[in-house]
Amino acid sequence: MDKEFYNEASAHRLGWEASWFIPGHAEYDVKLTKAIRVFQRAHGLSADGMCGPSTYRRLIADRDQHKEYVCFENKEYSEFIYYAGQPIPIEWDKVITHLDDNCLKMTGKKKTVSGKKRKVKYFVTHWDVCLNSESCVRVLNRRNLSVQFCIDNDGTIYQLCDMNDIAYHAGGSHNPNCVGVEISNAYYPKYQNWYKRNGFGERPLITDGTVHGSSMEPFMDFYPVQKEALKALYKACHIGLGIPLEAPKTKWGVDSEVRKKTFRGFCSHFHLTRGKIDCAGLDIDEILEQIRND
């Protein structure tokens, strides 16, 4: 019965319905729990029958693939990102900030730091397991979470809040020490048709990914334009916030310095905890070397 209560509370909090798993079904009962387990197994999740945050993210991606996608052409872009209200130049031609009229509205939990600049030690890189940045922000808002940046499928960088604000994306005591980005990537190869159908093209596949000492099933990589946008964002944060062009010593797993919050540089979410696998396959050392060469 605990799982039934959990799912009902989760549905009220996150905005899903039992009918999303079983068409026409409205009860938070044993039948729903079994349907959630089937969904979880199909998406490589732990089949506990409870629609928690990870299951919810995949549920949204699964539903969004059947919706008509509307791409809005943004004709005005920013040449800056913002830290403590001050503009920081960024060498990228598609940037939309929280100060622009055509921004993505983030309403999730964040903490505003006023009167001083907070010391940002490291930059945390995530993939969003969503089809696009708009969907990612919708999920973050529903979960009362936040992040400073998103990178969409076409390479558009969205700044969702000032970098002096503490956003809730990295977990626990990491958030006050870092800024972060969610890069759009639905992860599972079954979504390739959605990307092709909506004009983004086929995503590269990673077939030899390894994280935390375990091999991974094939999964979708970022588009080249997303990696170029990420490089521009890294470079701007290096110059504007003083984050060193350093990657963790541990390449594909939890790094002790990152975990203890003594690290300064650029990392992936999996460097913080064994409970995360993003962004497996993203070679941060290579990106930072390109920035140094630039």
Protein backbone atom coordinates (compact mmCIF):
# COMPACT_ATOMS: atom_id res chain seq x y z
CA MET A 1 0.00 0.00 0.00
CA ASP A 2 2.96 2.32 0.59
CA LYS A 3 3.72 2.36 -3.13
CA GLU A 4 0.15 3.34 -3.95
CA PHE A 5 0.33 6.26 -1.52
CA TYR A 6 3.73 7.25 -2.90
CA ASN A 7 2.48 7.28 -6.50
CA GLU A 8 -0.61 9.30 -5.65
CA ALA A 9 1.51 11.90 -3.82
CA SER A 10 4.02 11.94 -6.70
CA ALA A 11 1.22 12.48 -9.23
CA HIS A 12 -0.16 15.44 -7.30
CA ARG A 13 3.31 16.95 -6.89
CA LEU A 14 4.63 16.42 -10.44
CA GLY A 15 1.42 16.59 -12.45
CA TRP A 16 1.16 13.12 -14.01
CA GLU A 17 -1.88 10.85 -14.03
CA ALA A 18 -2.46 7.10 -13.76
CA SER A 19 -3.86 7.17 -17.31
CA TRP A 20 -0.40 8.10 -18.59
CA PHE A 21 0.67 4.52 -17.81
CA ILE A 22 -2.70 2.81 -18.41
CA PRO A 23 -5.09 4.59 -20.81
CA GLY A 24 -8.42 5.22 -19.12
CA HIS A 25 -7.15 4.11 -15.71
CA ALA A 26 -7.57 6.52 -12.80
CA GLU A 27 -6.68 4.56 -9.66
CA TYR A 28 -3.38 4.59 -7.78
CA ASP A 29 -3.52 0.87 -7.13
CA VAL A 30 -1.60 -2.39 -7.58
CA LYS A 31 -2.45 -2.43 -11.30
CA LEU A 32 -0.78 0.97 -11.75
CA THR A 33 2.27 -0.16 -9.77
CA LYS A 34 2.66 -3.13 -12.11
CA ALA A 35 2.35 -0.85 -15.16
CA ILE A 36 5.04 1.45 -13.75
CA ARG A 37 7.33 -1.56 -13.31
CA VAL A 38 6.81 -2.50 -16.96
CA PHE A 39 7.66 1.06 -18.01
CA GLN A 40 10.75 1.11 -15.79
CA ARG A 41 12.09 -2.17 -17.14
CA ALA A 42 11.62 -0.92 -20.70
CA HIS A 43 13.69 2.17 -19.87
CA GLY A 44 16.51 0.49 -17.96
CA LEU A 45 15.35 1.76 -14.57
CA SER A 46 15.12 -0.02 -11.27
CA ALA A 47 11.64 -1.60 -11.39
CA ASP A 48 10.32 -0.57 -7.98
CA GLY A 49 6.84 0.44 -9.19
CA MET A 50 7.18 4.00 -7.90
CA CYS A 51 7.13 7.02 -10.22
CA GLY A 52 10.01 8.99 -8.73
CA PRO A 53 12.13 11.70 -10.38
CA SER A 54 14.04 9.44 -12.81
CA THR A 55 10.91 7.64 -13.95
CA TYR A 56 9.08 10.95 -14.30
CA ARG A 57 11.79 12.40 -16.57
CA ARG A 58 11.60 9.40 -18.88
CA LEU A 59 7.81 9.50 -18.79
CA ILE A 60 7.82 13.12 -20.00
CA ALA A 61 10.24 12.31 -22.83
CA ASP A 62 8.09 9.34 -23.83
CA ARG A 63 4.95 11.47 -24.00
CA ASP A 64 6.59 14.49 -25.64
CA GLN A 65 7.78 12.44 -28.61
CA HIS A 66 4.16 12.13 -29.77
CA LYS A 67 3.41 15.85 -29.53
CA GLU A 68 3.78 18.28 -32.41
CA TYR A 69 7.05 20.14 -31.98
CA VAL A 70 6.95 23.88 -32.61
CA CYS A 71 10.30 25.58 -33.22
CA PHE A 72 10.27 29.32 -32.61
CA GLU A 73 12.85 31.36 -34.47
CA ASN A 74 14.53 33.71 -32.04
CA LYS A 75 15.82 36.71 -33.94
CA GLU A 76 17.48 38.49 -31.03
CA TYR A 77 20.30 36.94 -29.06
CA SER A 78 22.57 38.13 -26.28
CA GLU A 79 26.33 38.55 -26.47
CA PHE A 80 26.64 38.06 -22.72
CA ILE A 81 25.87 35.79 -19.79
CA TYR A 82 25.45 37.25 -16.29
CA TYR A 83 27.25 36.84 -12.98
CA ALA A 84 26.13 38.97 -10.01
CA GLY A 85 24.30 41.24 -12.44
CA GLN A 86 27.42 41.92 -14.50
CA PRO A 87 27.67 40.93 -18.19
CA ILE A 88 30.32 38.40 -19.19
CA PRO A 89 31.10 38.20 -22.94
CA ILE A 90 30.54 34.82 -24.57
CA GLU A 91 31.77 33.81 -28.02
CA TRP A 92 28.56 32.18 -29.23
CA ASP A 93 25.89 33.48 -31.58
CA LYS A 94 22.83 31.85 -29.95
CA VAL A 95 22.49 32.93 -26.32
CA ILE A 96 19.21 33.80 -24.60
CA THR A 97 19.36 34.92 -20.98
CA HIS A 98 16.86 35.23 -18.15
CA LEU A 99 16.79 38.98 -18.87
CA ASP A 100 15.54 38.54 -22.45
CA ASP A 101 11.90 38.60 -23.51
CA ASN A 102 12.15 35.23 -25.29
CA CYS A 103 13.74 33.38 -22.36
CA LEU A 104 12.68 30.07 -20.84
CA LYS A 105 10.99 30.79 -17.51
CA MET A 106 12.43 28.82 -14.61
CA THR A 107 10.28 28.81 -11.45
CA GLY A 108 12.00 26.01 -9.53
CA LYS A 109 13.72 26.52 -6.21
CA LYS A 110 16.85 28.70 -6.19
CA LYS A 111 18.59 30.88 -3.64
CA THR A 112 19.48 34.47 -4.47
CA VAL A 113 22.79 35.65 -3.07
CA SER A 114 22.83 39.41 -2.64
CA GLY A 115 25.45 41.88 -1.51
CA LYS A 116 28.45 39.78 -2.56
CA LYS A 117 29.74 37.48 -5.27
CA ARG A 118 29.67 33.84 -4.26
CA LYS A 119 32.81 31.83 -4.96
CA VAL A 120 32.12 29.33 -7.73
CA LYS A 121 34.59 26.44 -7.55
CA TYR A 122 33.41 24.12 -10.29
CA PHE A 123 31.07 23.69 -13.23
CA VAL A 124 28.83 20.57 -13.34
CA THR A 125 27.70 19.18 -16.71
CA HIS A 126 24.44 17.20 -17.04
CA TRP A 127 22.33 15.69 -19.80
CA ASP A 128 18.63 16.28 -19.30
CA VAL A 129 17.03 13.00 -20.59
CA CYS A 130 14.48 15.25 -22.31
CA LEU A 131 13.75 15.93 -25.97
CA ASN A 132 14.50 19.65 -25.79
CA SER A 133 15.36 22.41 -23.33
CA GLU A 134 11.78 23.63 -23.04
CA SER A 135 10.75 20.19 -21.81
CA CYS A 136 13.74 20.11 -19.45
CA VAL A 137 12.74 23.40 -17.82
CA ARG A 138 9.18 22.15 -17.46
CA VAL A 139 10.46 19.06 -15.60
CA LEU A 140 12.76 21.13 -13.38
CA ASN A 141 9.91 23.48 -12.49
CA ARG A 142 7.60 20.57 -11.65
CA ARG A 143 10.28 19.04 -9.41
CA ASN A 144 11.08 22.42 -7.83
CA LEU A 145 14.68 22.20 -9.05
CA SER A 146 16.80 24.62 -11.04
CA VAL A 147 20.00 25.06 -13.03
CA GLN A 148 21.87 28.05 -14.40
CA PHE A 149 22.02 26.96 -18.07
CA CYS A 150 20.46 24.73 -20.72
CA ILE A 151 21.85 23.90 -24.16
CA ASP A 152 19.18 23.01 -26.71
CA ASN A 153 19.41 20.67 -29.71
CA ASP A 154 20.38 23.49 -32.10
CA GLY A 155 23.13 24.77 -29.79
CA THR A 156 21.11 27.62 -28.28
CA ILE A 157 22.40 28.42 -24.79
CA TYR A 158 19.68 29.46 -22.35
CA GLN A 159 20.71 31.17 -19.14
CA LEU A 160 17.90 30.54 -16.66
CA CYS A 161 19.17 32.56 -13.70
CA ASP A 162 22.13 34.69 -12.65
CA MET A 163 25.25 32.64 -11.91
CA ASN A 164 25.41 34.26 -8.49
CA ASP A 165 22.14 32.47 -7.63
CA ILE A 166 22.46 29.05 -6.05
CA ALA A 167 20.55 26.61 -8.27
CA TYR A 168 19.48 23.11 -7.18
CA HIS A 169 20.85 20.61 -9.68
CA ALA A 170 23.94 18.89 -8.25
CA GLY A 171 22.55 17.63 -4.95
CA GLY A 172 23.37 18.16 -1.31
CA SER A 173 26.12 20.57 -0.37
CA HIS A 174 27.51 20.81 -3.93
CA ASN A 175 25.03 23.44 -5.11
CA PRO A 176 26.57 26.44 -3.26
CA ASN A 177 29.95 25.66 -4.82
CA CYS A 178 29.03 25.30 -8.47
CA VAL A 179 27.09 26.33 -11.54
CA GLY A 180 25.63 23.82 -13.97
CA VAL A 181 24.21 23.13 -17.41
CA GLU A 182 21.59 20.66 -18.66
CA ILE A 183 22.36 19.63 -22.25
CA SER A 184 19.37 18.38 -24.22
CA ASN A 185 19.69 14.67 -24.98
CA ALA A 186 16.93 12.09 -24.51
CA TYR A 187 19.67 9.42 -24.18
CA TYR A 188 17.78 6.38 -25.53
CA PRO A 189 18.35 5.51 -29.24
CA LYS A 190 14.61 4.84 -29.67
CA TYR A 191 14.11 8.64 -29.82
CA GLN A 192 16.25 9.03 -32.96
CA ASN A 193 13.14 9.21 -35.14
CA TRP A 194 11.88 12.21 -33.17
CA TYR A 195 15.10 14.11 -33.78
CA LYS A 196 15.10 13.27 -37.49
CA ARG A 197 11.40 14.05 -37.87
CA ASN A 198 11.87 17.50 -36.35
CA GLY A 199 14.83 18.51 -38.46
CA PHE A 200 17.72 18.06 -36.04
CA GLY A 201 19.16 15.03 -37.77
CA GLU A 202 20.35 11.74 -36.39
CA ARG A 203 22.35 11.91 -33.19
CA PRO A 204 25.75 10.22 -32.95
CA LEU A 205 25.69 6.98 -30.94
CA ILE A 206 28.15 5.99 -28.23
CA THR A 207 28.57 2.21 -28.31
CA ASP A 208 31.53 1.76 -25.96
CA GLY A 209 30.57 3.96 -23.01
CA THR A 210 31.89 3.12 -19.56
CA VAL A 211 31.12 4.75 -16.23
CA HIS A 212 31.81 3.67 -12.64
CA GLY A 213 33.68 0.64 -14.01
CA SER A 214 30.67 -0.75 -15.91
CA SER A 215 30.00 -0.93 -19.64
CA MET A 216 26.88 0.83 -20.91
CA GLU A 217 24.30 -0.08 -23.51
CA PRO A 218 24.54 2.10 -26.67
CA PHE A 219 23.17 5.59 -26.06
CA MET A 220 22.85 8.88 -27.92
CA ASP A 221 25.65 11.43 -27.83
CA PHE A 222 25.40 15.22 -28.05
CA TYR A 223 25.29 16.93 -31.43
CA PRO A 224 28.59 18.55 -32.49
CA VAL A 225 26.95 22.00 -32.29
CA GLN A 226 26.01 21.31 -28.66
CA LYS A 227 29.61 20.47 -27.83
CA GLU A 228 30.77 23.68 -29.51
CA ALA A 229 28.21 25.64 -27.47
CA LEU A 230 29.44 23.89 -24.31
CA LYS A 231 33.03 24.84 -25.18
CA ALA A 232 31.99 28.49 -25.54
CA LEU A 233 30.16 28.34 -22.20
CA TYR A 234 33.14 26.72 -20.46
CA LYS A 235 35.44 29.41 -21.88
CA ALA A 236 33.19 32.27 -20.77
CA CYS A 237 32.90 30.82 -17.25
CA HIS A 238 36.67 30.31 -17.11
CA ILE A 239 37.28 33.96 -17.98
CA GLY A 240 34.36 35.52 -16.09
CA LEU A 241 34.29 33.40 -12.93
CA GLY A 242 37.89 32.28 -12.76
CA ILE A 243 37.07 28.56 -12.94
CA PRO A 244 40.35 26.83 -13.88
CA LEU A 245 40.57 24.86 -17.14
CA GLU A 246 40.99 21.61 -15.22
CA ALA A 247 39.15 18.30 -15.40
CA PRO A 248 38.91 15.70 -12.59
CA LYS A 249 41.79 13.23 -12.29
CA THR A 250 39.29 10.36 -12.38
CA LYS A 251 38.06 10.18 -15.97
CA TRP A 252 34.92 8.00 -15.90
CA GLY A 253 33.83 7.73 -12.28
CA VAL A 254 33.48 9.46 -8.93
CA ASP A 255 36.44 11.72 -8.25
CA SER A 256 37.49 12.09 -4.62
CA GLU A 257 38.33 15.79 -4.93
CA VAL A 258 34.99 16.58 -6.58
CA ARG A 259 33.11 14.51 -3.99
CA LYS A 260 34.89 16.35 -1.15
CA LYS A 261 34.31 19.73 -2.88
CA THR A 262 38.01 20.57 -2.99
CA PHE A 263 38.08 20.40 -6.80
CA ARG A 264 38.19 23.52 -8.98
CA GLY A 265 37.39 23.12 -12.67
CA PHE A 266 34.87 21.45 -15.00
CA CYS A 267 33.28 18.07 -14.33
CA SER A 268 30.33 15.81 -15.13
CA HIS A 269 27.54 14.82 -12.75
CA PHE A 270 28.93 11.27 -12.40
CA HIS A 271 32.10 12.73 -10.86
CA LEU A 272 30.00 13.68 -7.81
CA THR A 273 28.19 10.42 -7.07
CA ARG A 274 27.86 6.80 -8.21
CA GLY A 275 24.12 7.39 -8.49
CA LYS A 276 24.55 9.38 -11.75
CA ILE A 277 25.87 8.45 -15.21
CA ASP A 278 25.73 11.84 -16.96
CA CYS A 279 27.67 12.81 -18.97
CA ALA A 280 29.30 9.48 -19.86
CA GLY A 281 31.16 9.72 -23.15
CA LEU A 282 31.80 13.47 -22.85
CA ASP A 283 35.57 13.99 -22.91
CA ILE A 284 35.99 17.14 -20.81
CA ASP A 285 39.79 16.95 -21.05
CA GLU A 286 39.50 17.22 -24.83
CA ILE A 287 37.19 20.24 -24.68
CA LEU A 288 39.47 22.04 -22.22
CA GLU A 289 42.50 21.31 -24.41
CA GLN A 290 40.70 22.90 -27.36
CA ILE A 291 40.04 26.00 -25.26
CA ARG A 292 43.70 26.20 -24.25
CA ASN A 293 44.75 25.92 -27.89
CA ASP A 294 42.28 28.66 -28.86
